[in-house]
Structures are given as structure tokens and as C-alpha cells.
Amino acid sequence: MATATPTDPTGPSHLLSKAPGTDNRPGRLLAVVIAAQFMALLDVFIVNVAAPTIRDELGASGAGLQLVIAGYTITYAVLLITGARLGERVGHRRMYLVGLAVFTVASLACGLSQGTGELIAFRLLQGAGSALLIPQVLSLIQRNFTGEARTRALGAYSAVLAIGAAAGQVLGGILVSADLFGTGWRPVFLVNVPVGVALLVVAGRVLPRDGGGGVGRGGETVGERAGETAGERAGEAATARARGLDLPGLVLLGAAVSLFTVPLVLGQEKGWPLWSWLCLGAAAVVFALFCGYESRLSRGGGAPLIAPRVLRIPGMGLAVFRIAVVMAVNAGFLFVLTLHIQGGLGYSALRAGLTFAPTAVVFGAVGLTWRRWPAAAQRALIPGGFALTAVSALAVGLVLRDGGEGGPWLYAAFVGIGVGLALGFSPTLTRALSTVRPEDAADASGLLSTVAQLGQLTGVAAFGALFLNRLESQGAPGAYSSADALLVCSYALAGAAALGAVSGLVRMRR
């Protein structure tokens, strides 16, 4: 993926270059791309808080509710790399606008859904829109900003990632609790519509035409890059267009994810029938076929979705495992705690959103500051983060096991989870990408982003099934209460985090 490079302010590359019909002011360009990133990130977390209300108003089953949450992630994870490559082939501006339009229309359809099936279908479409939209955000920043301007732009991008989770949970709580015009949960989706329409109008004016100039040092728009001829730029564009979409790999990956997710979500509700076990076995077979196909495609000089050579980079396999564990624990924790806090404890949606805010805020703060921590502690950050997450997850279950509210100890445990997950995620991601060669950077970023989404999907499906399975036994002899079900999930969450800690210790010894 080509990026702009620092230019000499005295040379011709520093001249302003505006494509007809566009407004290339850097502040507006950055605001537009960051706003889209924030809206899509918000949607991941805003729906968590609305989940219990969706269940009550639509009569959704536990499995249906899991698919409402996970449906967005399924298509987003599977199509993410394809969305990035479509940006390379047909233009980042064009794919940004298409992805934003799909996301906005799908949000409207979600907000108007009359049943669980409709809502799940439109959540899948919403995830597809995000997969087309989100990869273009970083690409537009990389291609259109250089020097200090790029540093500031990436700082704004990081800040949005840091505050998006907290803002989503709080805003979701506000919208659901307000029950605007008796619409209940629907505003958590409908709020995207006016924002999306406004962004479409502004983006059409602000984003530079594909193949046009960008924003240079100090925020100026860059025309031709220093020392680069028109032929070189044309060759670079041709290389990007030649990078295949790997449609067979996309189909195999989508099939493997579906065969894994659907039985994991529906199996516990149906009593684990034979078909659910057959699907899980088939998922392993299809995933093996996917890996084999990707290897053959790579050896033949093709462009696989996941390049095998990236997985062979020292430390990359371990990074993939740890990122998957972090995201699974994070998504599972948010899902089951939301159901317990609003269902078991009877909190309002707003109070539930505010309860989770410290975890999200601390996660963002640690993610932005861990590099400044003492050098002597750096090597222990990752295993220490996983260990802290395990202890804190267990503490959450223990302080809530009697059906009480937990008091200050609960918030201390929430803060511990936020710190631990941040230390497990941010240093892992940074160190993994720091070892990647420039020519493999796009593939490595795509791999780790996809793994993060698949981790979230697994967390909602696995830990959600564990929690809901215990709740559905209520009324039977020895039935579980919501607090009992949460305690069982806390043990499982702690166990998963402990695996991450052990993997970190093994890496540290090496």
C-alpha cells in the first residue's frame, strides 16, 4: 500500500494541488475520516448496552441476541482484508464513500427492524459496510499526510480508538434509557443515519480524488512526491490493482467462520444436537483447506488473504494467539456482564454503561502511555497484563456471587481488567508490527486486525453460550442464578487470560 513520504518544502512537490470539486483543507479531511472511524467503533459497543432491551422488546432468544452482537463482527472480520484490497484497486476515496453508504443504510434498516431475524441480517450488512469503510481510514491518513502532520493525524486516530469504547457504552445507555418517543433500543442504530448522511455530503467535497494530491508537512496538500516520476506513480497504481482479491480464500474463510460460530451459538439452545458437532468438525476441516489453499496460492505468486510468510515472522504466531485471547476475553466479559448487570441486578441501561466506563477509559489511557513506563518493566508488561486480567476477572465473579452490587471492589476489579487487557494488547500489537518488513506491513496489519475481530466473535459466542446455558436451567433442581452463571464465566475468563500469561512467560524466557 503506497504512502506519502516527507517532501522538501522548497521543491515542486510542496506545491498545492487541488482536484476539481474537492476541498483539500487538512483539518476537514482528517475530521471526516476520523468521524467515520469513531461512528463504526461506537456501534460495536453501543449495541452491548442495548442487548437486554433488544431481548425484551423483540423476544429474542439467547442465541438470537448473541447473533445480533456477533453478526456485525462476522462479516467485518471476514471481509476486512478484501475491503482493504478493494481500496487499493478502485480507490480509497471511492471505497470510503461506498462503505459509508452501506453502513448508513444498514443502520437505518437495523433501527426499523421488526424481528430478530431482520435485525441479524441487517447487522451482517452493517458489518460489511464497516469492512469496506474502515480500512480506508488509515490508508487515507497514510497517503495524504506527511511529517508532523501525519504524526498529529495518527495521534487523533489513536485518541478515537481510546475513547470510542467508553463513549459507545455511555451513549448507548443514554439513548436506551431516554426511550425517545417510545422507540426503546432503536436510536442506538438510528443515530448513525444523520451522522452518516452528513459525512457522505461533506466527504464528497473534502476527500481528495483517487490518484490526486495529499496533505504534506505542516498540513499542506502534496502534489507529486519528491523524485517520483509520473511513470513510477502509474507503476505503483498498477501494482496495487494487480493485487488479487482471493475470492476462493474469502469463501473458504467465510464458510469456516460460519460453521464455527453458528453451532457454538445455537448448540446450547438446541441441546447440542448432532448437527452442531458435525458443523464444528467441518469448521476445522474447512479451515485446514483454507490454510492449504493460501499456501499454494502464495507459492504460485498469488496474493492470499493471509500470507503464510507473515505467520512465519518471528513472534507473529504468538502475537496472533495473544491478540485473539485479549479480544475474546474483552468481548465475552462485556457481553455476560451486561446481561448480568441489567438482568440480574436490574440496572438501567444508562447505569450499566457508566459502570463499564472506567474499564474502557483505563484501557485507552494505558494503551496510549505504556511506552513511557520504566524500561525495566517493559519485558514483563504482556505476561503481567494477562495475569492481572485473570485475577481481576475472577474477582468480578467473586464479589458479585451473592447477588449483590459489589461495591468499590467491583470497580477496582473493572479497572484491573482495563489495565490488564491494555497491557496484553497494545505492546503485543506494537512489537509484532515492529518486526515486519515494509513490504509485508499491509498483510501483517490485515492479519492482526482480522484475528482481533475473530477473537471478539469467539468471545461472544463461547462465553455467551456458557452464561446463557446456565441461565436457561433456572427452575430446575440445582438451577443457576444470574450471579452463579457469572461466576462460572469468571472462572472461564480467568482461565483464558491465564493462557495468555503463560504464553507471554514462554516468549520472555526465549
Protein backbone atom coordinates (compact mmCIF):
# COMPACT_ATOMS: atom_id res chain seq x y z
CA MET A 1 0.00 0.00 0.00
CA ALA A 2 1.64 3.23 -1.08
CA THR A 3 2.02 6.06 1.37
CA ALA A 4 3.06 9.65 1.03
CA THR A 5 6.62 10.49 2.03
CA PRO A 6 8.14 13.62 3.57
CA THR A 7 8.86 16.26 0.95
CA ASP A 8 11.25 19.12 0.55
CA PRO A 9 9.28 22.34 1.15
CA THR A 10 11.40 24.14 -1.39
CA GLY A 11 10.84 21.63 -4.18
CA PRO A 12 7.98 21.25 -6.62
CA SER A 13 6.33 18.51 -4.53
CA HIS A 14 5.38 21.15 -1.98
CA LEU A 15 3.11 22.98 -4.38
CA LEU A 16 -0.58 22.96 -3.57
CA SER A 17 -2.65 20.68 -5.77
CA LYS A 18 -6.42 20.54 -5.59
CA ALA A 19 -8.56 18.22 -7.62
CA PRO A 20 -11.60 19.90 -9.19
CA GLY A 21 -14.63 19.94 -6.91
CA THR A 22 -12.76 19.00 -3.71
CA ASP A 23 -11.80 20.93 -0.58
CA ASN A 24 -8.36 19.72 0.48
CA ARG A 25 -8.04 21.55 3.80
CA PRO A 26 -6.27 19.04 6.05
CA GLY A 27 -8.31 19.68 9.19
CA ARG A 28 -11.54 18.88 7.41
CA LEU A 29 -10.11 15.83 5.68
CA LEU A 30 -8.88 14.42 8.98
CA ALA A 31 -12.17 15.21 10.73
CA VAL A 32 -14.15 13.33 8.07
CA VAL A 33 -12.09 10.13 8.14
CA ILE A 34 -11.79 10.10 11.95
CA ALA A 35 -15.53 10.71 12.36
CA ALA A 36 -16.30 7.61 10.29
CA GLN A 37 -13.87 5.55 12.35
CA PHE A 38 -15.49 6.80 15.55
CA MET A 39 -19.02 6.05 14.32
CA ALA A 40 -18.17 2.47 13.34
CA LEU A 41 -16.26 1.85 16.59
CA LEU A 42 -19.12 3.31 18.59
CA ASP A 43 -21.51 0.84 17.00
CA VAL A 44 -19.56 -2.15 18.33
CA PHE A 45 -20.00 -1.09 21.95
CA ILE A 46 -23.26 0.84 21.86
CA VAL A 47 -25.21 -2.32 20.99
CA ASN A 48 -23.83 -4.22 24.00
CA VAL A 49 -25.65 -1.92 26.40
CA ALA A 50 -28.87 -2.19 24.38
CA ALA A 51 -28.77 -6.02 24.27
CA PRO A 52 -31.11 -6.72 27.22
CA THR A 53 -33.68 -4.22 25.90
CA ILE A 54 -33.50 -5.79 22.44
CA ARG A 55 -34.10 -9.20 24.02
CA ASP A 56 -37.14 -7.97 25.92
CA GLU A 57 -38.76 -5.93 23.14
CA LEU A 58 -38.16 -8.37 20.27
CA GLY A 59 -38.48 -11.52 22.35
CA ALA A 60 -35.05 -12.60 21.15
CA SER A 61 -33.65 -15.87 22.41
CA GLY A 62 -30.20 -16.02 23.96
CA ALA A 63 -28.80 -17.36 20.68
CA GLY A 64 -30.57 -14.66 18.69
CA LEU A 65 -29.13 -12.00 20.96
CA GLN A 66 -25.63 -13.42 20.50
CA LEU A 67 -26.05 -13.28 16.73
CA VAL A 68 -27.24 -9.66 16.91
CA ILE A 69 -23.99 -8.80 18.69
CA ALA A 70 -21.74 -11.15 16.71
CA GLY A 71 -23.36 -10.74 13.28
CA TYR A 72 -21.64 -7.40 12.75
CA THR A 73 -18.27 -8.95 13.63
CA ILE A 74 -18.71 -11.98 11.37
CA THR A 75 -18.90 -10.03 8.10
CA TYR A 76 -16.47 -7.36 9.31
CA ALA A 77 -13.79 -9.93 10.18
CA VAL A 78 -14.21 -11.98 7.00
CA LEU A 79 -14.36 -9.02 4.59
CA LEU A 80 -11.81 -6.72 6.26
CA ILE A 81 -8.79 -7.67 4.11
CA THR A 82 -10.93 -7.72 0.97
CA GLY A 83 -12.14 -4.21 1.82
CA ALA A 84 -8.55 -3.01 2.08
CA ARG A 85 -7.66 -4.53 -1.30
CA LEU A 86 -10.72 -3.04 -2.96
CA GLY A 87 -9.44 0.33 -1.73
CA GLU A 88 -6.12 -0.36 -3.45
CA ARG A 89 -7.78 -1.45 -6.69
CA VAL A 90 -10.60 1.06 -7.16
CA GLY A 91 -9.51 3.93 -4.92
CA HIS A 92 -9.65 4.67 -1.19
CA ARG A 93 -11.99 7.64 -1.60
CA ARG A 94 -14.46 5.61 -3.66
CA MET A 95 -14.48 2.69 -1.23
CA TYR A 96 -14.79 5.06 1.75
CA LEU A 97 -17.96 6.53 0.24
CA VAL A 98 -19.39 3.13 -0.73
CA GLY A 99 -18.66 1.63 2.70
CA LEU A 100 -20.13 4.65 4.48
CA ALA A 101 -23.30 4.49 2.35
CA VAL A 102 -23.76 0.76 3.04
CA PHE A 103 -23.16 1.27 6.76
CA THR A 104 -25.66 4.15 6.93
CA VAL A 105 -28.41 2.31 5.03
CA ALA A 106 -27.85 -0.81 7.14
CA SER A 107 -28.07 1.27 10.33
CA LEU A 108 -31.44 2.63 9.22
CA ALA A 109 -32.64 -0.89 8.43
CA CYS A 110 -31.45 -2.15 11.85
CA GLY A 111 -33.34 0.64 13.60
CA LEU A 112 -36.54 -0.21 11.73
CA SER A 113 -36.30 -4.00 12.13
CA GLN A 114 -39.46 -5.72 13.36
CA GLY A 115 -37.94 -9.06 14.33
CA THR A 116 -34.76 -10.73 15.48
CA GLY A 117 -34.10 -12.34 12.10
CA GLU A 118 -34.31 -9.00 10.31
CA LEU A 119 -32.02 -7.37 12.84
CA ILE A 120 -29.40 -10.11 12.49
CA ALA A 121 -29.47 -9.85 8.69
CA PHE A 122 -29.03 -6.08 8.72
CA ARG A 123 -26.25 -6.35 11.34
CA LEU A 124 -24.42 -8.60 8.88
CA LEU A 125 -24.86 -5.91 6.22
CA GLN A 126 -23.68 -3.24 8.66
CA GLY A 127 -20.50 -5.24 9.30
CA ALA A 128 -19.91 -5.50 5.54
CA GLY A 129 -20.18 -1.72 5.27
CA SER A 130 -17.60 -1.30 8.02
CA ALA A 131 -15.27 -3.75 6.29
CA LEU A 132 -15.33 -1.55 3.19
CA LEU A 133 -15.09 1.71 5.15
CA ILE A 134 -12.62 1.24 8.00
CA PRO A 135 -9.54 0.04 6.04
CA GLN A 136 -9.66 3.26 4.05
CA VAL A 137 -9.29 5.47 7.14
CA LEU A 138 -5.66 4.63 7.86
CA SER A 139 -4.88 4.43 4.14
CA LEU A 140 -6.20 7.96 3.56
CA ILE A 141 -4.16 9.24 6.52
CA GLN A 142 -1.02 7.45 5.31
CA ARG A 143 -1.41 8.66 1.72
CA ASN A 144 -2.39 12.26 2.45
CA PHE A 145 -0.29 13.34 5.43
CA THR A 146 3.47 13.51 5.92
CA GLY A 147 5.91 14.58 8.63
CA GLU A 148 4.43 16.32 11.66
CA ALA A 149 1.01 16.42 10.01
CA ARG A 150 0.97 12.62 9.86
CA THR A 151 2.10 12.35 13.49
CA ARG A 152 -0.77 14.59 14.60
CA ALA A 153 -3.24 12.68 12.42
CA LEU A 154 -2.19 9.32 13.86
CA GLY A 155 -2.42 10.79 17.36
CA ALA A 156 -6.03 11.79 16.67
CA TYR A 157 -6.69 8.31 15.29
CA SER A 158 -5.30 6.68 18.46
CA ALA A 159 -7.34 9.00 20.67
CA VAL A 160 -10.54 7.99 18.87
CA LEU A 161 -9.74 4.31 19.41
CA ALA A 162 -9.07 5.01 23.08
CA ILE A 163 -12.33 6.83 23.83
CA GLY A 164 -14.65 5.00 21.42
CA ALA A 165 -15.42 2.08 23.73
CA ALA A 166 -16.28 4.26 26.71
CA ALA A 167 -18.29 6.70 24.59
CA GLY A 168 -20.23 3.84 22.98
CA GLN A 169 -21.29 2.33 26.27
CA VAL A 170 -22.27 5.65 27.82
CA LEU A 171 -24.10 6.91 24.72
CA GLY A 172 -25.87 3.57 24.39
CA GLY A 173 -27.04 3.82 27.98
CA ILE A 174 -28.28 7.37 27.45
CA LEU A 175 -30.20 6.54 24.28
CA VAL A 176 -31.83 3.39 25.64
CA SER A 177 -32.72 4.96 29.00
CA ALA A 178 -34.18 8.05 27.31
CA ASP A 179 -36.59 5.80 25.33
CA LEU A 180 -37.08 8.59 22.78
CA PHE A 181 -40.69 8.66 21.57
CA GLY A 182 -41.11 5.13 22.92
CA THR A 183 -38.54 3.74 20.48
CA GLY A 184 -36.56 1.82 23.12
CA TRP A 185 -33.33 0.39 21.66
CA ARG A 186 -33.81 1.66 18.11
CA PRO A 187 -31.96 5.01 18.50
CA VAL A 188 -28.67 3.15 19.07
CA PHE A 189 -28.81 2.34 15.34
CA LEU A 190 -30.78 5.32 14.04
CA VAL A 191 -28.26 7.80 15.50
CA ASN A 192 -25.87 6.68 12.75
CA VAL A 193 -28.21 7.80 9.97
CA PRO A 194 -27.98 11.63 10.21
CA VAL A 195 -24.26 11.38 11.00
CA GLY A 196 -23.67 9.07 8.03
CA VAL A 197 -25.65 11.28 5.64
CA ALA A 198 -23.76 14.38 6.78
CA LEU A 199 -20.42 12.61 6.35
CA LEU A 200 -21.38 11.47 2.84
CA VAL A 201 -22.16 15.04 1.83
CA VAL A 202 -19.00 16.51 3.37
CA ALA A 203 -16.71 13.65 2.28
CA GLY A 204 -17.71 14.15 -1.33
CA ARG A 205 -16.23 17.65 -1.08
CA VAL A 206 -13.31 17.05 1.26
CA LEU A 207 -11.66 13.77 0.31
CA PRO A 208 -9.06 14.12 -2.45
CA ARG A 209 -9.79 12.38 -5.72
CA ASP A 210 -8.18 8.96 -6.01
CA GLY A 211 -4.73 9.41 -7.54
CA GLY A 212 -4.66 13.11 -6.63
CA GLY A 213 -2.55 15.03 -4.15
CA GLY A 214 -2.44 14.66 -0.40
CA VAL A 215 -1.58 16.72 2.64
CA GLY A 216 2.08 17.35 3.32
CA ARG A 217 4.33 18.63 6.06
CA GLY A 218 2.54 21.17 8.19
CA GLY A 219 -0.78 20.19 6.63
CA GLU A 220 -0.18 21.35 3.07
CA THR A 221 -1.59 19.41 0.15
CA VAL A 222 1.05 17.42 -1.69
CA GLY A 223 1.15 17.12 -5.46
CA GLU A 224 3.86 14.90 -6.90
CA ARG A 225 6.19 13.32 -4.34
CA ALA A 226 9.83 14.33 -4.44
CA GLY A 227 11.89 12.49 -7.02
CA GLU A 228 8.93 10.47 -8.26
CA THR A 229 8.03 10.43 -11.93
CA ALA A 230 4.60 10.01 -13.41
CA GLY A 231 5.64 6.60 -14.72
CA GLU A 232 6.66 5.45 -11.24
CA ARG A 233 3.34 6.55 -9.82
CA ALA A 234 1.49 4.75 -12.60
CA GLY A 235 3.52 1.60 -11.94
CA GLU A 236 2.70 1.78 -8.25
CA ALA A 237 -1.01 2.10 -9.01
CA ALA A 238 -0.83 -0.83 -11.43
CA THR A 239 0.83 -2.97 -8.75
CA ALA A 240 -1.99 -2.16 -6.32
CA ARG A 241 -4.62 -3.04 -8.95
CA ALA A 242 -2.87 -6.31 -9.73
CA ARG A 243 -3.14 -7.43 -6.11
CA GLY A 244 -5.89 -10.05 -6.31
CA LEU A 245 -8.98 -10.26 -4.10
CA ASP A 246 -8.55 -14.02 -3.45
CA LEU A 247 -12.24 -14.81 -3.75
CA PRO A 248 -11.82 -18.59 -3.19
CA GLY A 249 -9.91 -17.85 0.02
CA LEU A 250 -12.66 -15.43 1.05
CA VAL A 251 -15.34 -18.09 0.52
CA LEU A 252 -13.38 -20.72 2.47
CA LEU A 253 -12.70 -18.35 5.37
CA GLY A 254 -16.34 -17.25 5.49
CA ALA A 255 -17.51 -20.86 5.48
CA ALA A 256 -15.09 -21.82 8.27
CA VAL A 257 -16.17 -18.87 10.45
CA SER A 258 -19.88 -19.61 9.88
CA LEU A 259 -19.51 -23.34 10.56
CA PHE A 260 -17.76 -22.48 13.83
CA THR A 261 -19.98 -19.64 15.01
CA VAL A 262 -23.49 -20.88 14.25
CA PRO A 263 -23.31 -24.19 16.17
CA LEU A 264 -21.46 -22.54 19.04
CA VAL A 265 -24.28 -20.00 19.37
CA LEU A 266 -27.26 -22.24 18.60
CA GLY A 267 -25.96 -25.52 20.01
CA GLN A 268 -26.61 -24.82 23.68
CA GLU A 269 -30.15 -23.58 22.94
CA LYS A 270 -30.96 -26.73 20.91
CA GLY A 271 -29.39 -29.14 23.41
CA TRP A 272 -26.23 -29.73 21.33
CA PRO A 273 -27.77 -31.89 18.57
CA LEU A 274 -25.62 -33.99 16.25
CA TRP A 275 -25.59 -31.35 13.51
CA SER A 276 -23.89 -28.84 15.82
CA TRP A 277 -20.96 -31.21 16.45
CA LEU A 278 -20.75 -32.07 12.75
CA CYS A 279 -20.58 -28.36 11.91
CA LEU A 280 -17.79 -27.76 14.42
CA GLY A 281 -15.85 -30.67 12.92
CA ALA A 282 -16.50 -29.35 9.42
CA ALA A 283 -15.23 -25.91 10.50
CA ALA A 284 -11.84 -27.44 11.36
CA VAL A 285 -11.73 -29.25 8.00
CA VAL A 286 -12.67 -26.15 6.00
CA PHE A 287 -10.15 -24.02 7.90
CA ALA A 288 -7.44 -26.60 7.08
CA LEU A 289 -8.49 -26.38 3.41
CA PHE A 290 -8.27 -22.59 3.65
CA CYS A 291 -4.72 -22.76 5.04
CA GLY A 292 -3.67 -25.23 2.33
CA TYR A 293 -5.17 -23.11 -0.42
CA GLU A 294 -3.50 -19.94 0.90
CA SER A 295 -0.11 -21.72 0.96
CA ARG A 296 -0.49 -22.94 -2.62
CA LEU A 297 -1.61 -19.51 -3.80
CA SER A 298 1.37 -17.87 -2.12
CA ARG A 299 3.85 -20.36 -3.65
CA GLY A 300 2.32 -19.67 -7.06
CA GLY A 301 2.98 -15.95 -6.74
CA GLY A 302 -0.62 -15.01 -5.91
CA ALA A 303 -1.93 -12.66 -3.22
CA PRO A 304 -3.59 -14.76 -0.48
CA LEU A 305 -5.86 -13.18 2.12
CA ILE A 306 -3.40 -14.27 4.82
CA ALA A 307 0.15 -14.63 3.53
CA PRO A 308 1.84 -17.69 5.11
CA ARG A 309 5.19 -15.88 5.15
CA VAL A 310 3.72 -13.32 7.58
CA LEU A 311 2.84 -16.08 10.03
CA ARG A 312 6.45 -17.25 9.85
CA ILE A 313 7.79 -13.88 11.04
CA PRO A 314 9.45 -14.48 14.46
CA GLY A 315 6.93 -13.87 17.22
CA MET A 316 3.96 -13.37 14.87
CA GLY A 317 2.26 -16.67 15.74
CA LEU A 318 2.47 -15.85 19.44
CA ALA A 319 1.15 -12.34 18.79
CA VAL A 320 -1.81 -13.78 16.88
CA PHE A 321 -2.63 -16.06 19.83
CA ARG A 322 -2.36 -13.32 22.43
CA ILE A 323 -4.41 -10.80 20.47
CA ALA A 324 -7.12 -13.42 19.93
CA VAL A 325 -7.18 -14.15 23.68
CA VAL A 326 -7.34 -10.46 24.65
CA MET A 327 -10.21 -9.71 22.30
CA ALA A 328 -12.12 -12.88 23.23
CA VAL A 329 -11.85 -12.08 26.95
CA ASN A 330 -12.82 -8.45 26.35
CA ALA A 331 -15.88 -9.25 24.22
CA GLY A 332 -17.01 -12.13 26.46
CA PHE A 333 -16.60 -10.01 29.59
CA LEU A 334 -18.67 -7.13 28.19
CA PHE A 335 -21.43 -9.41 26.90
CA VAL A 336 -22.01 -11.51 30.03
CA LEU A 337 -21.55 -8.61 32.45
CA THR A 338 -24.09 -6.54 30.52
CA LEU A 339 -26.66 -9.32 30.77
CA HIS A 340 -26.00 -9.82 34.48
CA ILE A 341 -25.92 -6.15 35.45
CA GLN A 342 -29.13 -5.29 33.62
CA GLY A 343 -30.90 -8.62 34.08
CA GLY A 344 -29.57 -9.96 37.38
CA LEU A 345 -29.04 -6.64 39.20
CA GLY A 346 -31.78 -4.67 37.46
CA TYR A 347 -29.58 -1.70 36.49
CA SER A 348 -30.85 0.70 33.86
CA ALA A 349 -29.05 0.82 30.51
CA LEU A 350 -27.50 4.17 31.44
CA ARG A 351 -26.19 2.90 34.76
CA ALA A 352 -24.81 -0.20 33.05
CA GLY A 353 -22.99 1.96 30.50
CA LEU A 354 -21.50 4.14 33.22
CA THR A 355 -20.47 1.06 35.19
CA PHE A 356 -18.29 -0.14 32.32
CA ALA A 357 -16.85 3.28 31.51
CA PRO A 358 -13.85 3.02 33.89
CA THR A 359 -12.69 -0.18 32.19
CA ALA A 360 -12.79 1.43 28.74
CA VAL A 361 -11.18 4.69 29.89
CA VAL A 362 -8.33 2.89 31.64
CA PHE A 363 -7.81 0.62 28.61
CA GLY A 364 -7.42 3.66 26.38
CA ALA A 365 -5.17 5.55 28.81
CA VAL A 366 -2.80 2.61 29.30
CA GLY A 367 -2.73 1.91 25.57
CA LEU A 368 -1.55 5.45 24.91
CA THR A 369 1.02 5.68 27.73
CA TRP A 370 2.61 2.24 28.25
CA ARG A 371 5.71 3.17 26.20
CA ARG A 372 6.61 5.76 28.85
CA TRP A 373 6.67 3.23 31.65
CA PRO A 374 10.07 2.27 33.16
CA ALA A 375 12.29 0.28 30.80
CA ALA A 376 12.89 -2.34 33.47
CA ALA A 377 9.17 -3.21 33.44
CA GLN A 378 8.74 -3.38 29.67
CA ARG A 379 9.54 -7.08 29.23
CA ALA A 380 7.06 -8.09 31.93
CA LEU A 381 4.18 -5.95 30.66
CA ILE A 382 2.48 -8.56 28.48
CA PRO A 383 2.52 -11.57 30.86
CA GLY A 384 1.82 -9.22 33.77
CA GLY A 385 -1.17 -7.78 31.93
CA PHE A 386 -2.66 -11.20 31.29
CA ALA A 387 -2.08 -12.23 34.90
CA LEU A 388 -3.79 -9.05 36.15
CA THR A 389 -6.71 -9.71 33.80
CA ALA A 390 -7.08 -13.27 35.16
CA VAL A 391 -7.08 -12.12 38.79
CA SER A 392 -9.47 -9.24 38.07
CA ALA A 393 -11.93 -11.39 36.08
CA LEU A 394 -12.05 -13.88 38.92
CA ALA A 395 -12.54 -11.04 41.40
CA VAL A 396 -15.57 -9.76 39.45
CA GLY A 397 -17.31 -13.13 39.77
CA LEU A 398 -16.44 -13.46 43.45
CA VAL A 399 -17.64 -10.00 44.54
CA LEU A 400 -20.94 -10.49 42.67
CA ARG A 401 -21.53 -14.14 43.58
CA ASP A 402 -24.09 -13.39 46.33
CA GLY A 403 -26.25 -11.30 44.01
CA GLY A 404 -25.02 -8.00 45.47
CA GLU A 405 -23.66 -4.94 43.70
CA GLY A 406 -20.02 -5.49 44.63
CA GLY A 407 -19.26 -2.00 45.95
CA PRO A 408 -15.81 -0.42 45.50
CA TRP A 409 -14.18 -3.82 44.98
CA LEU A 410 -16.16 -4.30 41.79
CA TYR A 411 -14.85 -1.06 40.30
CA ALA A 412 -11.32 -1.92 41.39
CA ALA A 413 -11.67 -5.22 39.52
CA PHE A 414 -13.04 -3.40 36.46
CA VAL A 415 -10.02 -1.08 36.47
CA GLY A 416 -7.74 -4.11 36.82
CA ILE A 417 -9.34 -5.70 33.74
CA GLY A 418 -8.91 -2.48 31.75
CA VAL A 419 -5.23 -2.19 32.68
CA GLY A 420 -4.56 -5.89 32.13
CA LEU A 421 -6.23 -6.09 28.72
CA ALA A 422 -4.43 -2.94 27.55
CA LEU A 423 -1.05 -4.38 28.60
CA GLY A 424 -1.87 -7.64 26.87
CA PHE A 425 -2.96 -5.93 23.65
CA SER A 426 -1.04 -2.72 22.92
CA PRO A 427 2.55 -3.94 23.50
CA THR A 428 1.77 -7.18 21.65
CA LEU A 429 0.45 -5.34 18.60
CA THR A 430 3.25 -2.78 18.56
CA ARG A 431 6.06 -5.30 18.93
CA ALA A 432 4.60 -7.66 16.36
CA LEU A 433 4.37 -4.93 13.72
CA SER A 434 7.83 -3.57 14.56
CA THR A 435 9.43 -6.80 13.29
CA VAL A 436 7.62 -6.76 9.94
CA ARG A 437 9.36 -5.73 6.73
CA PRO A 438 7.79 -2.77 4.91
CA GLU A 439 6.63 -4.98 2.02
CA ASP A 440 4.74 -7.21 4.49
CA ALA A 441 3.25 -4.40 6.57
CA ALA A 442 -0.17 -4.39 4.88
CA ASP A 443 -0.52 -8.18 5.14
CA ALA A 444 0.56 -8.20 8.79
CA SER A 445 -1.84 -5.38 9.71
CA GLY A 446 -4.68 -7.14 7.90
CA LEU A 447 -3.89 -10.43 9.63
CA LEU A 448 -3.81 -8.92 13.12
CA SER A 449 -6.96 -6.87 12.53
CA THR A 450 -8.81 -9.95 11.29
CA VAL A 451 -7.61 -12.01 14.26
CA ALA A 452 -8.80 -9.27 16.64
CA GLN A 453 -12.29 -9.40 15.14
CA LEU A 454 -12.39 -13.21 15.14
CA GLY A 455 -11.31 -13.11 18.79
CA GLN A 456 -14.27 -10.88 19.64
CA LEU A 457 -16.59 -13.16 17.73
CA THR A 458 -15.30 -16.22 19.61
CA GLY A 459 -15.61 -14.45 22.96
CA VAL A 460 -19.27 -13.52 22.46
CA ALA A 461 -20.12 -16.99 21.13
CA ALA A 462 -18.20 -19.10 23.67
CA PHE A 463 -18.59 -17.14 26.91
CA GLY A 464 -22.10 -16.05 25.95
CA ALA A 465 -23.12 -19.68 25.41
CA LEU A 466 -21.61 -20.64 28.76
CA PHE A 467 -23.53 -17.90 30.59
CA LEU A 468 -26.86 -18.40 28.81
CA ASN A 469 -26.75 -22.16 29.17
CA ARG A 470 -26.67 -21.81 32.96
CA LEU A 471 -29.42 -19.20 32.99
CA GLU A 472 -31.73 -21.43 30.95
CA SER A 473 -31.50 -24.11 33.65
CA GLN A 474 -33.36 -21.87 36.11
CA GLY A 475 -36.38 -23.54 37.64
CA ALA A 476 -34.76 -26.97 37.52
CA PRO A 477 -33.26 -28.66 40.62
CA GLY A 478 -29.91 -27.08 41.44
CA ALA A 479 -30.58 -24.24 38.97
CA TYR A 480 -28.12 -21.41 38.47
CA SER A 481 -28.92 -17.81 39.31
CA SER A 482 -27.53 -15.00 37.15
CA ALA A 483 -24.76 -14.48 39.73
CA ASP A 484 -23.92 -18.20 39.67
CA ALA A 485 -23.73 -18.18 35.87
CA LEU A 486 -21.50 -15.12 36.02
CA LEU A 487 -19.16 -16.82 38.50
CA VAL A 488 -18.75 -19.81 36.17
CA CYS A 489 -17.96 -17.41 33.31
CA SER A 490 -15.47 -15.56 35.52
CA TYR A 491 -13.58 -18.81 36.07
CA ALA A 492 -13.55 -19.38 32.31
CA LEU A 493 -12.44 -15.81 31.56
CA ALA A 494 -9.67 -16.07 34.15
CA GLY A 495 -8.54 -19.37 32.64
CA ALA A 496 -8.35 -17.88 29.15
CA ALA A 497 -6.34 -14.91 30.45
CA ALA A 498 -4.02 -17.30 32.29
CA LEU A 499 -3.23 -18.98 28.97
CA GLY A 500 -2.15 -15.61 27.66
CA ALA A 501 0.07 -15.10 30.70
CA VAL A 502 1.76 -18.47 30.20
CA SER A 503 2.38 -17.74 26.52
CA GLY A 504 3.95 -14.43 27.49
CA LEU A 505 6.25 -16.11 30.01
CA VAL A 506 7.39 -18.66 27.43
CA ARG A 507 8.22 -15.86 25.00
CA MET A 508 10.07 -13.93 27.72
CA ARG A 509 12.27 -16.93 28.56
CA ARG A 510 13.17 -17.31 24.89
